[in-house]
Amino acid sequence: MNDQSPPGQGPKTRQMLFDYLDQLDVVHRTVDHPAIFTVEEGRDYKRNMPGGHSKNLFVKDKKGVLTLAVASSETRVDLVGLGKALGAKGRLSFGKPELMTQTLGVIPGAVTPFALFNDNAQALAQVVLDTNLLAHDPVWFHPLENTASTAVSAKDLIRFVKSCGFEPQILDLAAPLEG
């Protein structure tokens, strides 16, 4: 991680994330809501939150190489194509909840690119951002907990990801081999 992130081990808090976004001069807005665990559960709450909403996939290949894929909630992610585009060994599968929590510091249902802010996220080999999501402004994600959603611009999302030590791959996750 770069020198702008706060020191220390363990998962970061929502307030620590907001402080870090402020340090980066990332404009952000947060809306609190009941806990949302799936895209479908969140549709009614997010109806009045214009912009792009996400689904975040924590996946691994046969060798255990970890990837965070950040897609538009409307994208049907082509996991076979994504695996081929990434040069994955074998098929991509979803990482077990325990591994996800250990790596990203969040519970199932709260996966978010903001979790890249956690120290253990450096175990990820790559971060992939969906072109369909980045076409929206703003883009919304859980702020390390699934009881709120935080909006940032697509440009600032990319800047945040880079500040956490990742060079995001930007692909059409519905057709990752066609880019």
Protein backbone atom coordinates (compact mmCIF):
# COMPACT_ATOMS: atom_id res chain seq x y z
CA MET A 1 0.00 0.00 0.00
CA ASN A 2 1.17 3.54 -0.49
CA ASP A 3 2.26 5.93 2.24
CA GLN A 4 -1.07 7.82 2.31
CA SER A 5 -2.94 4.91 3.91
CA PRO A 6 -3.09 4.70 7.67
CA PRO A 7 -0.72 2.28 9.39
CA GLY A 8 -1.85 -0.75 11.34
CA GLN A 9 -3.23 -4.20 10.88
CA GLY A 10 -6.77 -5.44 10.85
CA PRO A 11 -9.83 -4.29 8.98
CA LYS A 12 -10.35 -0.58 8.61
CA THR A 13 -13.55 1.13 9.70
CA ARG A 14 -16.06 3.11 7.69
CA GLN A 15 -14.79 6.35 9.26
CA MET A 16 -11.18 5.46 8.42
CA LEU A 17 -12.28 4.93 4.81
CA PHE A 18 -14.02 8.32 4.72
CA ASP A 19 -10.93 10.00 6.21
CA TYR A 20 -8.77 8.34 3.54
CA LEU A 21 -11.13 9.44 0.75
CA ASP A 22 -10.90 12.98 2.15
CA GLN A 23 -7.07 12.75 2.11
CA LEU A 24 -7.27 11.79 -1.55
CA ASP A 25 -9.69 14.68 -2.24
CA VAL A 26 -12.31 12.18 -3.39
CA VAL A 27 -15.78 13.68 -3.16
CA HIS A 28 -18.12 11.11 -1.62
CA ARG A 29 -21.71 10.90 -0.41
CA THR A 30 -23.17 8.17 1.78
CA VAL A 31 -26.74 7.00 2.23
CA ASP A 32 -27.58 4.75 5.20
CA HIS A 33 -30.06 1.92 4.66
CA PRO A 34 -30.97 -1.47 6.14
CA ALA A 35 -28.43 -4.26 5.63
CA ILE A 36 -28.38 -5.38 2.00
CA PHE A 37 -26.84 -8.74 1.16
CA THR A 38 -27.71 -9.12 -2.55
CA VAL A 39 -28.23 -6.95 -5.60
CA GLU A 40 -31.89 -7.98 -5.67
CA GLU A 41 -32.44 -6.95 -2.02
CA GLY A 42 -31.01 -3.52 -2.75
CA ARG A 43 -33.06 -2.62 -5.82
CA ASP A 44 -35.85 -0.86 -3.90
CA TYR A 45 -33.47 1.09 -1.66
CA LYS A 46 -31.24 2.14 -4.53
CA ARG A 47 -34.04 3.26 -6.84
CA ASN A 48 -33.67 6.84 -5.55
CA MET A 49 -29.88 6.78 -5.74
CA PRO A 50 -29.03 7.68 -9.37
CA GLY A 51 -25.84 6.30 -10.85
CA GLY A 52 -24.24 2.91 -11.28
CA HIS A 53 -24.70 0.22 -8.69
CA SER A 54 -22.36 -2.72 -8.36
CA LYS A 55 -21.99 -6.37 -7.70
CA ASN A 56 -18.56 -7.39 -6.51
CA LEU A 57 -17.18 -10.85 -7.14
CA PHE A 58 -14.35 -12.32 -5.07
CA VAL A 59 -13.03 -15.13 -7.25
CA LYS A 60 -10.04 -17.43 -7.45
CA ASP A 61 -8.55 -19.77 -9.98
CA LYS A 62 -7.40 -23.38 -9.54
CA LYS A 63 -3.99 -22.19 -8.25
CA GLY A 64 -5.63 -19.91 -5.65
CA VAL A 65 -4.91 -16.63 -7.47
CA LEU A 66 -7.41 -14.10 -6.09
CA THR A 67 -9.26 -11.46 -8.10
CA LEU A 68 -11.84 -8.82 -7.21
CA ALA A 69 -14.19 -8.19 -10.15
CA VAL A 70 -16.32 -5.04 -9.77
CA ALA A 71 -19.27 -5.17 -12.17
CA SER A 72 -22.40 -3.21 -12.84
CA SER A 73 -25.32 -4.75 -10.95
CA GLU A 74 -26.96 -5.26 -14.36
CA THR A 75 -24.00 -7.07 -15.96
CA ARG A 76 -24.19 -10.83 -16.50
CA VAL A 77 -20.54 -11.53 -15.78
CA ASP A 78 -18.92 -14.05 -18.12
CA LEU A 79 -16.73 -15.90 -15.60
CA VAL A 80 -15.35 -18.31 -18.20
CA GLY A 81 -14.36 -15.42 -20.48
CA LEU A 82 -12.98 -13.45 -17.54
CA GLY A 83 -10.81 -16.40 -16.51
CA LYS A 84 -9.45 -16.67 -20.06
CA ALA A 85 -8.88 -12.90 -20.29
CA LEU A 86 -6.92 -13.00 -17.01
CA GLY A 87 -4.93 -16.11 -17.96
CA ALA A 88 -6.39 -17.96 -14.97
CA LYS A 89 -5.40 -21.55 -14.31
CA GLY A 90 -8.60 -23.55 -14.63
CA ARG A 91 -12.06 -22.16 -14.06
CA LEU A 92 -12.73 -19.20 -11.80
CA SER A 93 -14.78 -20.00 -8.72
CA PHE A 94 -16.07 -17.89 -5.87
CA GLY A 95 -13.75 -17.63 -2.89
CA LYS A 96 -15.02 -19.09 0.36
CA PRO A 97 -16.56 -16.54 2.75
CA GLU A 98 -13.79 -17.10 5.33
CA LEU A 99 -11.08 -16.38 2.74
CA MET A 100 -12.98 -13.32 1.55
CA THR A 101 -13.27 -11.95 5.09
CA GLN A 102 -9.61 -12.70 5.79
CA THR A 103 -8.50 -11.02 2.56
CA LEU A 104 -10.90 -8.09 2.24
CA GLY A 105 -11.92 -7.56 5.87
CA VAL A 106 -15.64 -7.54 5.07
CA ILE A 107 -18.51 -9.96 5.55
CA PRO A 108 -20.42 -11.65 2.72
CA GLY A 109 -22.84 -9.12 1.29
CA ALA A 110 -20.47 -6.22 1.97
CA VAL A 111 -17.84 -6.90 -0.71
CA THR A 112 -16.69 -3.61 -2.16
CA PRO A 113 -13.70 -2.12 -3.96
CA PHE A 114 -13.34 0.10 -0.89
CA ALA A 115 -12.07 -3.06 0.88
CA LEU A 116 -8.84 -2.67 -1.12
CA PHE A 117 -8.04 -0.14 1.60
CA ASN A 118 -7.53 -3.04 4.05
CA ASP A 119 -3.95 -4.28 4.46
CA ASN A 120 -4.71 -7.94 3.67
CA ALA A 121 -6.23 -7.00 0.31
CA GLN A 122 -2.67 -7.03 -1.02
CA ALA A 123 -3.20 -10.81 -1.32
CA LEU A 124 -5.31 -10.07 -4.42
CA ALA A 125 -3.50 -10.56 -7.70
CA GLN A 126 -5.72 -8.14 -9.57
CA VAL A 127 -8.74 -5.90 -9.60
CA VAL A 128 -11.03 -5.79 -12.63
CA LEU A 129 -13.49 -2.94 -13.21
CA ASP A 130 -16.47 -3.31 -15.55
CA THR A 131 -16.73 -0.77 -18.38
CA ASN A 132 -20.52 -0.93 -17.98
CA LEU A 133 -20.22 0.32 -14.39
CA LEU A 134 -17.64 2.99 -15.18
CA ALA A 135 -20.02 4.50 -17.76
CA HIS A 136 -22.10 5.81 -14.83
CA ASP A 137 -21.56 8.84 -12.63
CA PRO A 138 -21.58 8.40 -9.75
CA VAL A 139 -20.85 4.77 -8.88
CA TRP A 140 -22.05 3.33 -5.57
CA PHE A 141 -20.44 0.81 -3.18
CA HIS A 142 -20.79 -0.32 0.41
CA PRO A 143 -18.39 1.60 2.69
CA LEU A 144 -16.94 -1.60 4.26
CA GLU A 145 -20.35 -2.46 5.72
CA ASN A 146 -23.61 -3.32 3.98
CA THR A 147 -25.78 -0.88 5.95
CA ALA A 148 -24.89 2.06 3.70
CA SER A 149 -23.88 2.93 0.15
CA THR A 150 -21.25 5.50 -0.79
CA ALA A 151 -21.07 7.29 -4.14
CA VAL A 152 -17.89 8.47 -5.87
CA SER A 153 -17.17 9.39 -9.46
CA ALA A 154 -15.89 6.62 -11.74
CA LYS A 155 -12.66 8.60 -12.19
CA ASP A 156 -12.20 8.82 -8.42
CA LEU A 157 -12.90 5.09 -8.05
CA ILE A 158 -10.01 4.36 -10.40
CA ARG A 159 -7.80 6.81 -8.50
CA PHE A 160 -8.76 5.15 -5.19
CA VAL A 161 -7.96 1.67 -6.54
CA LYS A 162 -4.56 2.89 -7.75
CA SER A 163 -3.87 4.56 -4.39
CA CYS A 164 -4.34 1.14 -2.75
CA GLY A 165 -1.54 -0.31 -4.88
CA PHE A 166 -3.54 -1.87 -7.72
CA GLU A 167 -3.53 -1.07 -11.44
CA PRO A 168 -7.13 -1.93 -12.34
CA GLN A 169 -7.88 -3.87 -15.49
CA ILE A 170 -10.88 -2.34 -17.23
CA LEU A 171 -12.94 -4.88 -19.15
CA ASP A 172 -16.49 -5.39 -20.36
CA LEU A 173 -17.29 -8.12 -17.83
CA ALA A 174 -20.24 -9.33 -19.92
CA ALA A 175 -17.82 -10.05 -22.80
CA PRO A 176 -14.24 -9.80 -21.43
CA LEU A 177 -12.60 -11.39 -24.48
CA GLU A 178 -14.10 -8.90 -26.93
CA GLY A 179 -12.15 -5.85 -25.70
